[in-house]
Each structure stands twice: as structure tokens, then as C-alpha cells.
Amino acid sequence: MIGEPLGCTGSPDLQRMRNTTTYSLVHSDGYVLYGDHFHKHRWFSFWDVKLGKPLVERMQIKGDSYRREFEKGFAVNNKNDQSVAVKFPEQVRRLSDGSFSMTFTIPGNDGDIFMKP
């Protein structure tokens, strides 16, 4: 099953949503429509962020994990089964939990968006 349970009931699978969203941001110039089989959708505040235009193509971190820089931040996608560490040139804010740092760990099969100061 891809996306949400029927009727978008219950708690959303945030890891799957982040993984799908960041995969699209890193590997394409497309978009994600994340919902159930009958086109019922949730909206995540994660999607309200304005990253701006991409500055570069994707850059490999390790194995099947990549990051892409945008005007106002970075998208990171980790399709590996294991966690991967990512380091930024300056302190950034992680959207999933609001933390600030230059180094973060992305769990396997997950992703995140990081905003520049």
C-alpha cells in the first residue's frame, strides 16, 4: 500500500510521508500527492515551507542516500536500510523536530528538510 490507509484514518505514517516527499525533491522537479486510494488527503505543515529553486543536482551522501541544495534549504533522502550522517556547511534547522545543528542522522528509509538560517 502506498500513502495513507483508506479514508486517511488513524495516525499518518510520517516517516513514509517524509521519505516520499524528500525522494521527489532530491530526484526530480516534480511533486508528491500523498493520500489514499480515493483521493482523500491530509495536509502536513512540512509542505508549507518554501525551499526556493534548486541550486544543484542531487549529491550522493553514501549508498542510496542523497541531498539537494535549494535557495533556502536542503532536502535529504535516505533510501538505505541503515542510518546515515549528513553534515552541512552551516547550522540549519531540521523541520521534523525543529532542532538546530550542522550534523544530523537520518534513519533508514526516511528523509527530512533542513532550512538555512
PDB file of N, CA and C in Angstrom:
ATOM      1  N   MET A   1       0.840  -1.178   0.000  1.00  0.00           N
ATOM      2  CA  MET A   1       0.000   0.000   0.000  1.00  0.00           C
ATOM      3  C   MET A   1       0.884   1.239   0.000  1.00  0.00           C
ATOM      4  N   ILE A   2       0.533   2.205  -0.812  1.00  0.00           N
ATOM      5  CA  ILE A   2       1.274   3.452  -0.884  1.00  0.00           C
ATOM      6  C   ILE A   2       0.412   4.553  -0.293  1.00  0.00           C
ATOM      7  N   GLY A   3       1.011   5.400   0.509  1.00  0.00           N
ATOM      8  CA  GLY A   3       0.278   6.529   1.071  1.00  0.00           C
ATOM      9  C   GLY A   3      -0.483   6.159   2.326  1.00  0.00           C
ATOM     10  N   GLU A   4      -1.678   6.719   2.460  1.00  0.00           N
ATOM     11  CA  GLU A   4      -2.475   6.622   3.677  1.00  0.00           C
ATOM     12  C   GLU A   4      -3.425   5.429   3.668  1.00  0.00           C
ATOM     13  N   PRO A   5      -3.853   4.981   4.887  1.00  0.00           N
ATOM     14  CA  PRO A   5      -4.926   3.995   4.960  1.00  0.00           C
ATOM     15  C   PRO A   5      -6.202   4.600   4.380  1.00  0.00           C
ATOM     16  N   LEU A   6      -7.128   3.760   4.006  1.00  0.00           N
ATOM     17  CA  LEU A   6      -8.390   4.190   3.431  1.00  0.00           C
ATOM     18  C   LEU A   6      -9.061   5.259   4.285  1.00  0.00           C
ATOM     19  N   GLY A   7      -9.467   6.356   3.663  1.00  0.00           N
ATOM     20  CA  GLY A   7     -10.157   7.424   4.375  1.00  0.00           C
ATOM     21  C   GLY A   7      -9.230   8.289   5.211  1.00  0.00           C
ATOM     22  N   CYS A   8      -7.921   8.097   5.089  1.00  0.00           N
ATOM     23  CA  CYS A   8      -6.940   8.860   5.872  1.00  0.00           C
ATOM     24  C   CYS A   8      -7.289   8.797   7.359  1.00  0.00           C
ATOM     25  N   THR A   9      -7.648   7.614   7.827  1.00  0.00           N
ATOM     26  CA  THR A   9      -7.996   7.441   9.234  1.00  0.00           C
ATOM     27  C   THR A   9      -6.772   7.004  10.019  1.00  0.00           C
ATOM     28  N   GLY A  10      -6.784   7.255  11.304  1.00  0.00           N
ATOM     29  CA  GLY A  10      -5.664   6.864  12.145  1.00  0.00           C
ATOM     30  C   GLY A  10      -4.511   7.843  12.028  1.00  0.00           C
ATOM     31  N   SER A  11      -3.408   7.485  12.653  1.00  0.00           N
ATOM     32  CA  SER A  11      -2.223   8.329  12.629  1.00  0.00           C
ATOM     33  C   SER A  11      -1.487   8.169  11.308  1.00  0.00           C
ATOM     34  N   PRO A  12      -1.044   9.284  10.714  1.00  0.00           N
ATOM     35  CA  PRO A  12      -0.305   9.179   9.457  1.00  0.00           C
ATOM     36  C   PRO A  12       1.072   8.569   9.681  1.00  0.00           C
ATOM     37  N   ASP A  13       1.586   7.920   8.672  1.00  0.00           N
ATOM     38  CA  ASP A  13       2.934   7.360   8.698  1.00  0.00           C
ATOM     39  C   ASP A  13       3.892   8.474   8.272  1.00  0.00           C
ATOM     40  N   LEU A  14       4.359   9.267   9.245  1.00  0.00           N
ATOM     41  CA  LEU A  14       5.176  10.437   8.949  1.00  0.00           C
ATOM     42  C   LEU A  14       6.499  10.071   8.294  1.00  0.00           C
ATOM     43  N   GLN A  15       7.082   8.959   8.683  1.00  0.00           N
ATOM     44  CA  GLN A  15       8.341   8.535   8.073  1.00  0.00           C
ATOM     45  C   GLN A  15       8.135   8.265   6.580  1.00  0.00           C
ATOM     46  N   ARG A  16       7.081   7.566   6.231  1.00  0.00           N
ATOM     47  CA  ARG A  16       6.802   7.271   4.822  1.00  0.00           C
ATOM     48  C   ARG A  16       6.535   8.567   4.047  1.00  0.00           C
ATOM     49  N   MET A  17       5.793   9.487   4.660  1.00  0.00           N
ATOM     50  CA  MET A  17       5.498  10.753   4.009  1.00  0.00           C
ATOM     51  C   MET A  17       6.774  11.561   3.783  1.00  0.00           C
ATOM     52  N   ARG A  18       7.638  11.641   4.796  1.00  0.00           N
ATOM     53  CA  ARG A  18       8.904  12.378   4.636  1.00  0.00           C
ATOM     54  C   ARG A  18       9.777  11.708   3.577  1.00  0.00           C
ATOM     55  N   ASN A  19       9.834  10.382   3.594  1.00  0.00           N
ATOM     56  CA  ASN A  19      10.638   9.639   2.631  1.00  0.00           C
ATOM     57  C   ASN A  19      10.155   9.921   1.209  1.00  0.00           C
ATOM     58  N   THR A  20       8.849   9.874   1.006  1.00  0.00           N
ATOM     59  CA  THR A  20       8.275  10.106  -0.317  1.00  0.00           C
ATOM     60  C   THR A  20       8.492  11.550  -0.767  1.00  0.00           C
ATOM     61  N   THR A  21       8.253  12.492   0.132  1.00  0.00           N
ATOM     62  CA  THR A  21       8.406  13.920  -0.195  1.00  0.00           C
ATOM     63  C   THR A  21       9.853  14.251  -0.535  1.00  0.00           C
ATOM     64  N   THR A  22      10.787  13.837   0.310  1.00  0.00           N
ATOM     65  CA  THR A  22      12.189  14.181   0.064  1.00  0.00           C
ATOM     66  C   THR A  22      12.749  13.433  -1.147  1.00  0.00           C
ATOM     67  N   TYR A  23      12.266  12.219  -1.402  1.00  0.00           N
ATOM     68  CA  TYR A  23      12.702  11.499  -2.606  1.00  0.00           C
ATOM     69  C   TYR A  23      12.342  12.321  -3.845  1.00  0.00           C
ATOM     70  N   SER A  24      11.133  12.851  -3.881  1.00  0.00           N
ATOM     71  CA  SER A  24      10.701  13.664  -5.010  1.00  0.00           C
ATOM     72  C   SER A  24      11.532  14.942  -5.129  1.00  0.00           C
ATOM     73  N   LEU A  25      11.800  15.600  -4.009  1.00  0.00           N
ATOM     74  CA  LEU A  25      12.588  16.830  -4.036  1.00  0.00           C
ATOM     75  C   LEU A  25      14.024  16.593  -4.494  1.00  0.00           C
ATOM     76  N   VAL A  26      14.614  15.499  -4.063  1.00  0.00           N
ATOM     77  CA  VAL A  26      16.019  15.217  -4.375  1.00  0.00           C
ATOM     78  C   VAL A  26      16.200  14.693  -5.797  1.00  0.00           C
ATOM     79  N   HIS A  27      15.293  13.844  -6.242  1.00  0.00           N
ATOM     80  CA  HIS A  27      15.491  13.144  -7.514  1.00  0.00           C
ATOM     81  C   HIS A  27      14.717  13.725  -8.693  1.00  0.00           C
ATOM     82  N   SER A  28      13.880  14.753  -8.477  1.00  0.00           N
ATOM     83  CA  SER A  28      13.098  15.282  -9.597  1.00  0.00           C
ATOM     84  C   SER A  28      12.725  16.732  -9.332  1.00  0.00           C
ATOM     85  N   ASP A  29      12.029  17.296 -10.291  1.00  0.00           N
ATOM     86  CA  ASP A  29      11.440  18.616 -10.118  1.00  0.00           C
ATOM     87  C   ASP A  29       9.920  18.485 -10.057  1.00  0.00           C
ATOM     88  N   GLY A  30       9.458  17.324  -9.612  1.00  0.00           N
ATOM     89  CA  GLY A  30       8.039  17.030  -9.549  1.00  0.00           C
ATOM     90  C   GLY A  30       7.440  17.383  -8.209  1.00  0.00           C
ATOM     91  N   TYR A  31       6.346  16.739  -7.897  1.00  0.00           N
ATOM     92  CA  TYR A  31       5.655  16.975  -6.637  1.00  0.00           C
ATOM     93  C   TYR A  31       5.099  15.652  -6.132  1.00  0.00           C
ATOM     94  N   VAL A  32       4.573  15.670  -4.923  1.00  0.00           N
ATOM     95  CA  VAL A  32       4.006  14.479  -4.297  1.00  0.00           C
ATOM     96  C   VAL A  32       2.545  14.748  -3.966  1.00  0.00           C
ATOM     97  N   LEU A  33       1.690  13.815  -4.311  1.00  0.00           N
ATOM     98  CA  LEU A  33       0.302  13.818  -3.882  1.00  0.00           C
ATOM     99  C   LEU A  33       0.158  12.610  -2.975  1.00  0.00           C
ATOM    100  N   TYR A  34       0.026  12.848  -1.701  1.00  0.00           N
ATOM    101  CA  TYR A  34       0.061  11.783  -0.698  1.00  0.00           C
ATOM    102  C   TYR A  34      -1.329  11.620  -0.110  1.00  0.00           C
ATOM    103  N   GLY A  35      -2.021  10.554  -0.466  1.00  0.00           N
ATOM    104  CA  GLY A  35      -3.373  10.329   0.017  1.00  0.00           C
ATOM    105  C   GLY A  35      -3.742   8.864  -0.074  1.00  0.00           C
ATOM    106  N   ASP A  36      -5.044   8.585   0.081  1.00  0.00           N
ATOM    107  CA  ASP A  36      -5.500   7.200  -0.005  1.00  0.00           C
ATOM    108  C   ASP A  36      -5.947   6.884  -1.440  1.00  0.00           C
ATOM    109  N   HIS A  37      -6.512   5.683  -1.648  1.00  0.00           N
ATOM    110  CA  HIS A  37      -6.916   5.240  -2.984  1.00  0.00           C
ATOM    111  C   HIS A  37      -8.083   6.038  -3.559  1.00  0.00           C
ATOM    112  N   PHE A  38      -8.823   6.753  -2.707  1.00  0.00           N
ATOM    113  CA  PHE A  38      -9.990   7.506  -3.167  1.00  0.00           C
ATOM    114  C   PHE A  38      -9.745   9.017  -3.150  1.00  0.00           C
ATOM    115  N   HIS A  39      -8.477   9.406  -3.147  1.00  0.00           N
ATOM    116  CA  HIS A  39      -8.060  10.803  -3.240  1.00  0.00           C
ATOM    117  C   HIS A  39      -8.454  11.651  -2.037  1.00  0.00           C
ATOM    118  N   LYS A  40      -8.553  11.036  -0.871  1.00  0.00           N
ATOM    119  CA  LYS A  40      -8.704  11.802   0.369  1.00  0.00           C
ATOM    120  C   LYS A  40      -7.284  12.111   0.845  1.00  0.00           C
ATOM    121  N   HIS A  41      -7.084  13.336   1.292  1.00  0.00           N
ATOM    122  CA  HIS A  41      -5.728  13.781   1.601  1.00  0.00           C
ATOM    123  C   HIS A  41      -5.651  14.474   2.952  1.00  0.00           C
ATOM    124  N   ARG A  42      -4.465  14.424   3.521  1.00  0.00           N
ATOM    125  CA  ARG A  42      -4.121  15.235   4.684  1.00  0.00           C
ATOM    126  C   ARG A  42      -3.171  16.315   4.184  1.00  0.00           C
ATOM    127  N   TRP A  43      -3.035  17.355   4.983  1.00  0.00           N
ATOM    128  CA  TRP A  43      -2.031  18.370   4.688  1.00  0.00           C
ATOM    129  C   TRP A  43      -1.062  18.391   5.855  1.00  0.00           C
ATOM    130  N   PHE A  44       0.221  18.390   5.560  1.00  0.00           N
ATOM    131  CA  PHE A  44       1.267  18.399   6.579  1.00  0.00           C
ATOM    132  C   PHE A  44       1.967  19.755   6.559  1.00  0.00           C
ATOM    133  N   SER A  45       2.206  20.345   7.717  1.00  0.00           N
ATOM    134  CA  SER A  45       2.878  21.647   7.790  1.00  0.00           C
ATOM    135  C   SER A  45       4.259  21.586   7.138  1.00  0.00           C
ATOM    136  N   PHE A  46       4.832  20.414   7.084  1.00  0.00           N
ATOM    137  CA  PHE A  46       6.092  20.131   6.401  1.00  0.00           C
ATOM    138  C   PHE A  46       6.071  20.698   4.973  1.00  0.00           C
ATOM    139  N   TRP A  47       4.904  20.681   4.344  1.00  0.00           N
ATOM    140  CA  TRP A  47       4.779  21.117   2.951  1.00  0.00           C
ATOM    141  C   TRP A  47       4.592  22.620   2.810  1.00  0.00           C
ATOM    142  N   ASP A  48       4.428  23.358   3.906  1.00  0.00           N
ATOM    143  CA  ASP A  48       4.250  24.804   3.834  1.00  0.00           C
ATOM    144  C   ASP A  48       5.560  25.551   3.628  1.00  0.00           C
ATOM    145  N   VAL A  49       6.660  24.901   3.801  1.00  0.00           N
ATOM    146  CA  VAL A  49       7.975  25.531   3.717  1.00  0.00           C
ATOM    147  C   VAL A  49       8.312  25.860   2.270  1.00  0.00           C
ATOM    148  N   LYS A  50       8.879  27.021   2.072  1.00  0.00           N
ATOM    149  CA  LYS A  50       9.293  27.469   0.736  1.00  0.00           C
ATOM    150  C   LYS A  50      10.810  27.293   0.612  1.00  0.00           C
ATOM    151  N   LEU A  51      11.230  26.242  -0.076  1.00  0.00           N
ATOM    152  CA  LEU A  51      12.656  25.972  -0.267  1.00  0.00           C
ATOM    153  C   LEU A  51      13.284  26.843  -1.345  1.00  0.00           C
ATOM    154  N   GLY A  52      12.487  27.377  -2.254  1.00  0.00           N
ATOM    155  CA  GLY A  52      13.026  28.129  -3.380  1.00  0.00           C
ATOM    156  C   GLY A  52      13.458  27.188  -4.485  1.00  0.00           C
ATOM    157  N   LYS A  53      14.213  27.719  -5.418  1.00  0.00           N
ATOM    158  CA  LYS A  53      14.664  26.939  -6.578  1.00  0.00           C
ATOM    159  C   LYS A  53      15.857  26.063  -6.205  1.00  0.00           C
ATOM    160  N   PRO A  54      15.988  24.907  -6.872  1.00  0.00           N
ATOM    161  CA  PRO A  54      17.175  24.077  -6.629  1.00  0.00           C
ATOM    162  C   PRO A  54      18.424  24.789  -7.149  1.00  0.00           C
ATOM    163  N   LEU A  55      19.507  24.676  -6.393  1.00  0.00           N
ATOM    164  CA  LEU A  55      20.779  25.290  -6.793  1.00  0.00           C
ATOM    165  C   LEU A  55      21.692  24.307  -7.503  1.00  0.00           C
ATOM    166  N   VAL A  56      21.542  23.031  -7.193  1.00  0.00           N
ATOM    167  CA  VAL A  56      22.390  21.993  -7.788  1.00  0.00           C
ATOM    168  C   VAL A  56      21.556  20.728  -7.994  1.00  0.00           C
ATOM    169  N   GLU A  57      22.113  19.805  -8.738  1.00  0.00           N
ATOM    170  CA  GLU A  57      21.501  18.484  -8.845  1.00  0.00           C
ATOM    171  C   GLU A  57      21.784  17.721  -7.556  1.00  0.00           C
ATOM    172  N   ARG A  58      21.188  16.549  -7.403  1.00  0.00           N
ATOM    173  CA  ARG A  58      21.392  15.757  -6.185  1.00  0.00           C
ATOM    174  C   ARG A  58      22.867  15.398  -6.027  1.00  0.00           C
ATOM    175  N   MET A  59      23.261  15.267  -4.764  1.00  0.00           N
ATOM    176  CA  MET A  59      24.620  14.877  -4.425  1.00  0.00           C
ATOM    177  C   MET A  59      24.540  13.647  -3.531  1.00  0.00           C
ATOM    178  N   GLN A  60      25.310  12.624  -3.866  1.00  0.00           N
ATOM    179  CA  GLN A  60      25.297  11.390  -3.084  1.00  0.00           C
ATOM    180  C   GLN A  60      25.996  11.604  -1.749  1.00  0.00           C
ATOM    181  N   ILE A  61      25.369  11.092  -0.687  1.00  0.00           N
ATOM    182  CA  ILE A  61      25.973  11.133   0.645  1.00  0.00           C
ATOM    183  C   ILE A  61      26.700   9.821   0.889  1.00  0.00           C
ATOM    184  N   LYS A  62      25.951   8.720   0.793  1.00  0.00           N
ATOM    185  CA  LYS A  62      26.514   7.381   0.987  1.00  0.00           C
ATOM    186  C   LYS A  62      25.483   6.369   0.508  1.00  0.00           C
ATOM    187  N   GLY A  63      25.925   5.410  -0.306  1.00  0.00           N
ATOM    188  CA  GLY A  63      24.995   4.396  -0.794  1.00  0.00           C
ATOM    189  C   GLY A  63      23.841   5.039  -1.537  1.00  0.00           C
ATOM    190  N   ASP A  64      22.633   4.729  -1.106  1.00  0.00           N
ATOM    191  CA  ASP A  64      21.432   5.265  -1.748  1.00  0.00           C
ATOM    192  C   ASP A  64      20.830   6.399  -0.915  1.00  0.00           C
ATOM    193  N   SER A  65      21.689   7.300  -0.447  1.00  0.00           N
ATOM    194  CA  SER A  65      21.221   8.497   0.259  1.00  0.00           C
ATOM    195  C   SER A  65      21.779   9.726  -0.466  1.00  0.00           C
ATOM    196  N   TYR A  66      20.918  10.724  -0.623  1.00  0.00           N
ATOM    197  CA  TYR A  66      21.271  11.906  -1.399  1.00  0.00           C
ATOM    198  C   TYR A  66      20.742  13.160  -0.727  1.00  0.00           C
ATOM    199  N   ARG A  67      21.372  14.281  -1.087  1.00  0.00           N
ATOM    200  CA  ARG A  67      20.854  15.568  -0.653  1.00  0.00           C
ATOM    201  C   ARG A  67      20.873  16.510  -1.841  1.00  0.00           C
ATOM    202  N   ARG A  68      20.019  17.522  -1.757  1.00  0.00           N
ATOM    203  CA  ARG A  68      19.956  18.533  -2.811  1.00  0.00           C
ATOM    204  C   ARG A  68      19.794  19.881  -2.144  1.00  0.00           C
ATOM    205  N   GLU A  69      20.577  20.838  -2.603  1.00  0.00           N
ATOM    206  CA  GLU A  69      20.511  22.182  -2.027  1.00  0.00           C
ATOM    207  C   GLU A  69      19.541  23.053  -2.822  1.00  0.00           C
ATOM    208  N   PHE A  70      18.748  23.819  -2.087  1.00  0.00           N
ATOM    209  CA  PHE A  70      17.820  24.780  -2.651  1.00  0.00           C
ATOM    210  C   PHE A  70      18.202  26.164  -2.145  1.00  0.00           C
ATOM    211  N   GLU A  71      17.567  27.209  -2.661  1.00  0.00           N
ATOM    212  CA  GLU A  71      17.894  28.575  -2.251  1.00  0.00           C
ATOM    213  C   GLU A  71      17.788  28.768  -0.743  1.00  0.00           C
ATOM    214  N   LYS A  72      16.794  28.142  -0.108  1.00  0.00           N
ATOM    215  CA  LYS A  72      16.553  28.396   1.310  1.00  0.00           C
ATOM    216  C   LYS A  72      16.771  27.182   2.208  1.00  0.00           C
ATOM    217  N   GLY A  73      17.277  26.097   1.660  1.00  0.00           N
ATOM    218  CA  GLY A  73      17.494  24.922   2.499  1.00  0.00           C
ATOM    219  C   GLY A  73      17.967  23.716   1.721  1.00  0.00           C
ATOM    220  N   PHE A  74      17.814  22.563   2.347  1.00  0.00           N
ATOM    221  CA  PHE A  74      18.276  21.305   1.776  1.00  0.00           C
ATOM    222  C   PHE A  74      17.200  20.241   1.960  1.00  0.00           C
ATOM    223  N   ALA A  75      17.094  19.345   1.010  1.00  0.00           N
ATOM    224  CA  ALA A  75      16.283  18.138   1.157  1.00  0.00           C
ATOM    225  C   ALA A  75      17.244  16.963   1.197  1.00  0.00           C
ATOM    226  N   VAL A  76      17.010  16.044   2.137  1.00  0.00           N
ATOM    227  CA  VAL A  76      17.848  14.850   2.277  1.00  0.00           C
ATOM    228  C   VAL A  76      16.949  13.630   2.251  1.00  0.00           C
ATOM    229  N   ASN A  77      17.333  12.643   1.445  1.00  0.00           N
ATOM    230  CA  ASN A  77      16.573  11.394   1.361  1.00  0.00           C
ATOM    231  C   ASN A  77      17.531  10.233   1.561  1.00  0.00           C
ATOM    232  N   ASN A  78      17.150   9.311   2.451  1.00  0.00           N
ATOM    233  CA  ASN A  78      17.968   8.140   2.744  1.00  0.00           C
ATOM    234  C   ASN A  78      17.175   6.868   2.440  1.00  0.00           C
ATOM    235  N   LYS A  79      17.415   6.276   1.280  1.00  0.00           N
ATOM    236  CA  LYS A  79      16.735   5.034   0.891  1.00  0.00           C
ATOM    237  C   LYS A  79      17.483   3.798   1.389  1.00  0.00           C
ATOM    238  N   ASN A  80      18.586   3.990   2.077  1.00  0.00           N
ATOM    239  CA  ASN A  80      19.318   2.864   2.677  1.00  0.00           C
ATOM    240  C   ASN A  80      18.498   2.279   3.820  1.00  0.00           C
ATOM    241  N   ASP A  81      18.793   1.050   4.186  1.00  0.00           N
ATOM    242  CA  ASP A  81      18.137   0.431   5.336  1.00  0.00           C
ATOM    243  C   ASP A  81      18.719   0.926   6.660  1.00  0.00           C
ATOM    244  N   GLN A  82      19.915   1.497   6.611  1.00  0.00           N
ATOM    245  CA  GLN A  82      20.585   1.959   7.827  1.00  0.00           C
ATOM    246  C   GLN A  82      20.681   3.470   7.846  1.00  0.00           C
ATOM    247  N   SER A  83      20.872   4.023   9.034  1.00  0.00           N
ATOM    248  CA  SER A  83      21.001   5.464   9.208  1.00  0.00           C
ATOM    249  C   SER A  83      22.235   5.991   8.488  1.00  0.00           C
ATOM    250  N   VAL A  84      22.171   7.265   8.166  1.00  0.00           N
ATOM    251  CA  VAL A  84      23.298   7.940   7.538  1.00  0.00           C
ATOM    252  C   VAL A  84      23.459   9.309   8.191  1.00  0.00           C
ATOM    253  N   ALA A  85      24.711   9.736   8.352  1.00  0.00           N
ATOM    254  CA  ALA A  85      25.003  11.058   8.915  1.00  0.00           C
ATOM    255  C   ALA A  85      25.151  12.058   7.775  1.00  0.00           C
ATOM    256  N   VAL A  86      24.635  13.255   7.986  1.00  0.00           N
ATOM    257  CA  VAL A  86      24.765  14.318   6.994  1.00  0.00           C
ATOM    258  C   VAL A  86      25.269  15.570   7.695  1.00  0.00           C
ATOM    259  N   LYS A  87      26.250  16.229   7.071  1.00  0.00           N
ATOM    260  CA  LYS A  87      26.841  17.437   7.651  1.00  0.00           C
ATOM    261  C   LYS A  87      26.630  18.598   6.686  1.00  0.00           C
ATOM    262  N   PHE A  88      26.257  19.749   7.245  1.00  0.00           N
ATOM    263  CA  PHE A  88      26.000  20.945   6.460  1.00  0.00           C
ATOM    264  C   PHE A  88      27.096  21.975   6.707  1.00  0.00           C
ATOM    265  N   PRO A  89      27.294  22.920   5.775  1.00  0.00           N
ATOM    266  CA  PRO A  89      28.356  23.918   5.929  1.00  0.00           C
ATOM    267  C   PRO A  89      28.061  24.974   6.986  1.00  0.00           C
ATOM    268  N   GLU A  90      26.800  25.032   7.438  1.00  0.00           N
ATOM    269  CA  GLU A  90      26.395  25.987   8.468  1.00  0.00           C
ATOM    270  C   GLU A  90      25.281  25.356   9.293  1.00  0.00           C
ATOM    271  N   GLN A  91      24.964  25.981  10.410  1.00  0.00           N
ATOM    272  CA  GLN A  91      23.878  25.458  11.241  1.00  0.00           C
ATOM    273  C   GLN A  91      22.553  25.623  10.504  1.00  0.00           C
ATOM    274  N   VAL A  92      21.749  24.561  10.502  1.00  0.00           N
ATOM    275  CA  VAL A  92      20.438  24.563   9.843  1.00  0.00           C
ATOM    276  C   VAL A  92      19.385  24.071  10.826  1.00  0.00           C
ATOM    277  N   ARG A  93      18.117  24.290  10.471  1.00  0.00           N
ATOM    278  CA  ARG A  93      17.003  23.834  11.315  1.00  0.00           C
ATOM    279  C   ARG A  93      16.320  22.649  10.653  1.00  0.00           C
ATOM    280  N   ARG A  94      16.222  21.550  11.403  1.00  0.00           N
ATOM    281  CA  ARG A  94      15.562  20.340  10.925  1.00  0.00           C
ATOM    282  C   ARG A  94      14.050  20.514  11.090  1.00  0.00           C
ATOM    283  N   LEU A  95      13.294  20.326  10.004  1.00  0.00           N
ATOM    284  CA  LEU A  95      11.855  20.569  10.078  1.00  0.00           C
ATOM    285  C   LEU A  95      11.097  19.550  10.914  1.00  0.00           C
ATOM    286  N   SER A  96      11.521  18.297  10.900  1.00  0.00           N
ATOM    287  CA  SER A  96      10.736  17.269  11.598  1.00  0.00           C
ATOM    288  C   SER A  96      10.680  17.476  13.099  1.00  0.00           C
ATOM    289  N   ASP A  97      11.708  18.077  13.686  1.00  0.00           N
ATOM    290  CA  ASP A  97      11.689  18.270  15.144  1.00  0.00           C
ATOM    291  C   ASP A  97      12.110  19.670  15.594  1.00  0.00           C
ATOM    292  N   GLY A  98      12.456  20.552  14.652  1.00  0.00           N
ATOM    293  CA  GLY A  98      12.819  21.921  14.980  1.00  0.00           C
ATOM    294  C   GLY A  98      14.212  22.110  15.550  1.00  0.00           C
ATOM    295  N   SER A  99      15.028  21.052  15.580  1.00  0.00           N
ATOM    296  CA  SER A  99      16.369  21.163  16.173  1.00  0.00           C
ATOM    297  C   SER A  99      17.333  21.889  15.227  1.00  0.00           C
ATOM    298  N   PHE A 100      18.367  22.522  15.822  1.00  0.00           N
ATOM    299  CA  PHE A 100      19.406  23.239  15.080  1.00  0.00           C
ATOM    300  C   PHE A 100      20.730  22.518  15.259  1.00  0.00           C
ATOM    301  N   SER A 101      21.486  22.365  14.176  1.00  0.00           N
ATOM    302  CA  SER A 101      22.810  21.765  14.239  1.00  0.00           C
ATOM    303  C   SER A 101      23.454  21.860  12.864  1.00  0.00           C
ATOM    304  N   MET A 102      24.695  21.383  12.769  1.00  0.00           N
ATOM    305  CA  MET A 102      25.379  21.243  11.484  1.00  0.00           C
ATOM    306  C   MET A 102      25.429  19.782  11.053  1.00  0.00           C
ATOM    307  N   THR A 103      25.205  18.863  11.997  1.00  0.00           N
ATOM    308  CA  THR A 103      25.278  17.430  11.714  1.00  0.00           C
ATOM    309  C   THR A 103      24.014  16.741  12.220  1.00  0.00           C
ATOM    310  N   PHE A 104      23.451  15.894  11.391  1.00  0.00           N
ATOM    311  CA  PHE A 104      22.228  15.167  11.731  1.00  0.00           C
ATOM    312  C   PHE A 104      22.352  13.721  11.282  1.00  0.00           C
ATOM    313  N   THR A 105      21.555  12.864  11.896  1.00  0.00           N
ATOM    314  CA  THR A 105      21.436  11.476  11.477  1.00  0.00           C
ATOM    315  C   THR A 105      20.050  11.281  10.884  1.00  0.00           C
ATOM    316  N   ILE A 106      20.019  10.697   9.696  1.00  0.00           N
ATOM    317  CA  ILE A 106      18.754  10.391   9.027  1.00  0.00           C
ATOM    318  C   ILE A 106      18.550   8.889   9.110  1.00  0.00           C
ATOM    319  N   PRO A 107      17.461   8.433   9.741  1.00  0.00           N
ATOM    320  CA  PRO A 107      17.207   6.992   9.816  1.00  0.00           C
ATOM    321  C   PRO A 107      17.047   6.381   8.424  1.00  0.00           C
ATOM    322  N   GLY A 108      17.193   5.071   8.344  1.00  0.00           N
ATOM    323  CA  GLY A 108      16.982   4.369   7.083  1.00  0.00           C
ATOM    324  C   GLY A 108      15.565   4.551   6.586  1.00  0.00           C
ATOM    325  N   ASN A 109      15.418   4.635   5.272  1.00  0.00           N
ATOM    326  CA  ASN A 109      14.113   4.794   4.628  1.00  0.00           C
ATOM    327  C   ASN A 109      13.327   5.980   5.179  1.00  0.00           C
ATOM    328  N   ASP A 110      14.018   7.096   5.311  1.00  0.00           N
ATOM    329  CA  ASP A 110      13.415   8.323   5.824  1.00  0.00           C
ATOM    330  C   ASP A 110      14.059   9.499   5.099  1.00  0.00           C
ATOM    331  N   GLY A 111      13.628  10.669   5.403  1.00  0.00           N
ATOM    332  CA  GLY A 111      14.188  11.876   4.842  1.00  0.00           C
ATOM    333  C   GLY A 111      13.793  13.062   5.694  1.00  0.00           C
ATOM    334  N   ASP A 112      14.328  14.225   5.375  1.00  0.00           N
ATOM    335  CA  ASP A 112      13.981  15.430   6.110  1.00  0.00           C
ATOM    336  C   ASP A 112      14.347  16.636   5.282  1.00  0.00           C
ATOM    337  N   ILE A 113      13.801  17.779   5.681  1.00  0.00           N
ATOM    338  CA  ILE A 113      14.115  19.054   5.064  1.00  0.00           C
ATOM    339  C   ILE A 113      14.800  19.905   6.126  1.00  0.00           C
ATOM    340  N   PHE A 114      15.827  20.619   5.706  1.00  0.00           N
ATOM    341  CA  PHE A 114      16.639  21.455   6.595  1.00  0.00           C
ATOM    342  C   PHE A 114      16.659  22.869   6.046  1.00  0.00           C
ATOM    343  N   MET A 115      16.316  23.829   6.886  1.00  0.00           N
ATOM    344  CA  MET A 115      16.243  25.224   6.462  1.00  0.00           C
ATOM    345  C   MET A 115      17.504  25.976   6.858  1.00  0.00           C
ATOM    346  N   LYS A 116      17.989  26.801   5.927  1.00  0.00           N
ATOM    347  CA  LYS A 116      19.137  27.670   6.191  1.00  0.00           C
ATOM    348  C   LYS A 116      18.691  28.789   7.136  1.00  0.00           C
ATOM    349  N   PRO A 117      19.657  29.384   7.866  1.00  0.00           N
ATOM    350  CA  PRO A 117      19.288  30.479   8.779  1.00  0.00           C
ATOM    351  C   PRO A 117      18.799  31.710   8.037  1.00  0.00           C
TER     352      PRO A 117
END
